Each structure stands twice: as C-alpha cells, then as structure tokens.
C-alpha cells in the first residue's frame, strides 16, 4: 500500500492504493486526515475502494467549499456516488 500524501499548498490529497474501511481504520491517522481542508482528491494510485471513501469525501466537502475535485476516480467510486446520489458533492476530473 502506498502512503497517503497531503500537499498543503495545493490542498490536494493523494490516496493510497487501498481505500477501504479496513485500511482507513487500521493504517491512517483518521482524526488528522479528516481535518485537512481538502479541495482536490487524487485517486490515480487507488486500486481498491469501498464505500468508506464516501465518508472521507463528505467530511472533506464540509471542510472546504464544495465541490471538491476528484482526479482519476475508479469505476467503483463512480458507481457508489451514483448509488448514494452524491454526484453533486464532487467535481469529477478524469484527466
């Protein structure tokens, strides 16, 4: 698993290869990560994702003026966003 990377000057977070409930609860300092004023979320390294990532996006969207930008979202994320009607929370950038 790659590490989560935070770039404060660009308010950009690059997520690790696995963004699942297990990884989020076991590997990351969630309290600190959730407090970031995220404006851009880079999914380019993500290979596995579950609905836990939706919670991250919702918290970050409350910390920053929405919509936050999502770069290279995996197909699973797009499906979950449609399922839970969260497409207005983020701005998708496929790049």
C-alpha atoms as a PDB file:
ATOM      1  CA  UNK A   1       0.000   0.000   0.000  1.00  0.00           C
ATOM      2  CA  UNK A   2       1.333   3.398  -0.960  1.00  0.00           C
ATOM      3  CA  UNK A   3       1.065   6.126   1.628  1.00  0.00           C
ATOM      4  CA  UNK A   4      -1.456   8.889   1.684  1.00  0.00           C
ATOM      5  CA  UNK A   5       0.170  12.163   0.627  1.00  0.00           C
ATOM      6  CA  UNK A   6      -1.031  15.630   1.637  1.00  0.00           C
ATOM      7  CA  UNK A   7       0.092  18.762  -0.212  1.00  0.00           C
ATOM      8  CA  UNK A   8      -0.922  21.681   1.963  1.00  0.00           C
ATOM      9  CA  UNK A   9      -0.014  24.382  -0.564  1.00  0.00           C
ATOM     10  CA  UNK A  10      -2.415  22.910  -3.169  1.00  0.00           C
ATOM     11  CA  UNK A  11      -4.919  21.451  -0.665  1.00  0.00           C
ATOM     12  CA  UNK A  12      -4.510  18.163  -2.538  1.00  0.00           C
ATOM     13  CA  UNK A  13      -4.586  14.681  -1.066  1.00  0.00           C
ATOM     14  CA  UNK A  14      -3.310  11.650  -2.980  1.00  0.00           C
ATOM     15  CA  UNK A  15      -4.916   8.490  -1.712  1.00  0.00           C
ATOM     16  CA  UNK A  16      -3.112   5.164  -1.223  1.00  0.00           C
ATOM     17  CA  UNK A  17      -3.722   2.102  -3.401  1.00  0.00           C
ATOM     18  CA  UNK A  18      -6.329   0.678  -0.997  1.00  0.00           C
ATOM     19  CA  UNK A  19      -9.047   2.942   0.393  1.00  0.00           C
ATOM     20  CA  UNK A  20     -11.265   0.559   2.306  1.00  0.00           C
ATOM     21  CA  UNK A  21     -12.788   0.593   5.768  1.00  0.00           C
ATOM     22  CA  UNK A  22     -10.139  -1.847   6.992  1.00  0.00           C
ATOM     23  CA  UNK A  23      -7.257   0.291   5.731  1.00  0.00           C
ATOM     24  CA  UNK A  24      -8.780   3.544   6.930  1.00  0.00           C
ATOM     25  CA  UNK A  25      -9.399   2.250  10.432  1.00  0.00           C
ATOM     26  CA  UNK A  26      -6.094   0.395  10.792  1.00  0.00           C
ATOM     27  CA  UNK A  27      -3.479   2.327   8.861  1.00  0.00           C
ATOM     28  CA  UNK A  28      -4.301   6.027   8.818  1.00  0.00           C
ATOM     29  CA  UNK A  29      -4.481   8.695  11.484  1.00  0.00           C
ATOM     30  CA  UNK A  30      -8.095   9.434  10.585  1.00  0.00           C
ATOM     31  CA  UNK A  31      -8.613  12.290  13.006  1.00  0.00           C
ATOM     32  CA  UNK A  32      -5.762  14.197  11.395  1.00  0.00           C
ATOM     33  CA  UNK A  33      -6.686  13.231   7.819  1.00  0.00           C
ATOM     34  CA  UNK A  34     -10.334  14.229   8.249  1.00  0.00           C
ATOM     35  CA  UNK A  35      -9.304  17.700   9.426  1.00  0.00           C
ATOM     36  CA  UNK A  36      -7.460  18.519   6.190  1.00  0.00           C
ATOM     37  CA  UNK A  37      -9.086  21.309   4.140  1.00  0.00           C
ATOM     38  CA  UNK A  38      -9.078  19.156   1.005  1.00  0.00           C
ATOM     39  CA  UNK A  39     -10.007  20.758  -2.320  1.00  0.00           C
ATOM     40  CA  UNK A  40      -8.591  18.065  -4.649  1.00  0.00           C
ATOM     41  CA  UNK A  41      -8.554  14.279  -4.135  1.00  0.00           C
ATOM     42  CA  UNK A  42      -6.232  12.321  -6.422  1.00  0.00           C
ATOM     43  CA  UNK A  43      -7.301   8.700  -6.953  1.00  0.00           C
ATOM     44  CA  UNK A  44      -4.610   7.899  -9.547  1.00  0.00           C
ATOM     45  CA  UNK A  45      -2.898   5.302  -7.298  1.00  0.00           C
ATOM     46  CA  UNK A  46      -6.130   3.738  -5.991  1.00  0.00           C
ATOM     47  CA  UNK A  47      -6.700   0.109  -6.958  1.00  0.00           C
ATOM     48  CA  UNK A  48      -9.280  -0.921  -4.357  1.00  0.00           C
ATOM     49  CA  UNK A  49     -12.065   1.210  -2.885  1.00  0.00           C
ATOM     50  CA  UNK A  50     -15.239   0.670  -0.898  1.00  0.00           C
ATOM     51  CA  UNK A  51     -17.990   2.886   0.494  1.00  0.00           C
ATOM     52  CA  UNK A  52     -15.692   4.152   3.273  1.00  0.00           C
ATOM     53  CA  UNK A  53     -14.223   6.589   0.779  1.00  0.00           C
ATOM     54  CA  UNK A  54     -17.626   8.279   0.511  1.00  0.00           C
ATOM     55  CA  UNK A  55     -17.375   9.236   4.175  1.00  0.00           C
ATOM     56  CA  UNK A  56     -13.996  10.843   3.506  1.00  0.00           C
ATOM     57  CA  UNK A  57     -15.371  12.824   0.584  1.00  0.00           C
ATOM     58  CA  UNK A  58     -18.371  14.008   2.598  1.00  0.00           C
ATOM     59  CA  UNK A  59     -16.249  15.167   5.545  1.00  0.00           C
ATOM     60  CA  UNK A  60     -13.757  16.925   3.296  1.00  0.00           C
ATOM     61  CA  UNK A  61     -16.569  18.627   1.386  1.00  0.00           C
ATOM     62  CA  UNK A  62     -17.747  20.096   4.704  1.00  0.00           C
ATOM     63  CA  UNK A  63     -14.226  21.353   5.473  1.00  0.00           C
ATOM     64  CA  UNK A  64     -13.885  23.140   2.122  1.00  0.00           C
ATOM     65  CA  UNK A  65     -16.327  24.909  -0.132  1.00  0.00           C
ATOM     66  CA  UNK A  66     -17.824  22.217  -2.368  1.00  0.00           C
ATOM     67  CA  UNK A  67     -17.491  20.812  -4.827  1.00  0.00           C
ATOM     68  CA  UNK A  68     -14.133  19.243  -4.188  1.00  0.00           C
ATOM     69  CA  UNK A  69     -12.358  17.965  -7.289  1.00  0.00           C
ATOM     70  CA  UNK A  70     -11.791  14.250  -7.758  1.00  0.00           C
ATOM     71  CA  UNK A  71      -8.975  13.247 -10.117  1.00  0.00           C
ATOM     72  CA  UNK A  72      -8.978   9.873 -11.886  1.00  0.00           C
ATOM     73  CA  UNK A  73     -11.797   8.243  -9.911  1.00  0.00           C
ATOM     74  CA  UNK A  74     -12.026   4.445 -10.129  1.00  0.00           C
ATOM     75  CA  UNK A  75     -15.185   2.983 -11.660  1.00  0.00           C
ATOM     76  CA  UNK A  76     -16.207   1.618  -8.256  1.00  0.00           C
ATOM     77  CA  UNK A  77     -16.273   5.134  -6.817  1.00  0.00           C
ATOM     78  CA  UNK A  78     -18.391   6.455  -9.668  1.00  0.00           C
ATOM     79  CA  UNK A  79     -20.874   3.627  -9.134  1.00  0.00           C
ATOM     80  CA  UNK A  80     -21.072   4.280  -5.395  1.00  0.00           C
ATOM     81  CA  UNK A  81     -21.568   8.001  -5.956  1.00  0.00           C
ATOM     82  CA  UNK A  82     -24.479   7.298  -8.307  1.00  0.00           C
ATOM     83  CA  UNK A  83     -25.945   4.737  -5.918  1.00  0.00           C
ATOM     84  CA  UNK A  84     -25.909   7.172  -2.976  1.00  0.00           C
ATOM     85  CA  UNK A  85     -26.769  10.260  -5.100  1.00  0.00           C
ATOM     86  CA  UNK A  86     -23.568  12.097  -4.185  1.00  0.00           C
ATOM     87  CA  UNK A  87     -22.585  13.331  -7.619  1.00  0.00           C
ATOM     88  CA  UNK A  88     -23.118  16.995  -6.641  1.00  0.00           C
ATOM     89  CA  UNK A  89     -20.655  16.750  -3.762  1.00  0.00           C
ATOM     90  CA  UNK A  90     -17.621  16.450  -6.038  1.00  0.00           C
ATOM     91  CA  UNK A  91     -16.453  17.579  -9.433  1.00  0.00           C
ATOM     92  CA  UNK A  92     -15.046  14.665 -11.462  1.00  0.00           C
ATOM     93  CA  UNK A  93     -11.859  15.214 -13.480  1.00  0.00           C
ATOM     94  CA  UNK A  94     -10.855  12.107 -15.468  1.00  0.00           C
ATOM     95  CA  UNK A  95      -7.554  13.617 -16.747  1.00  0.00           C
END
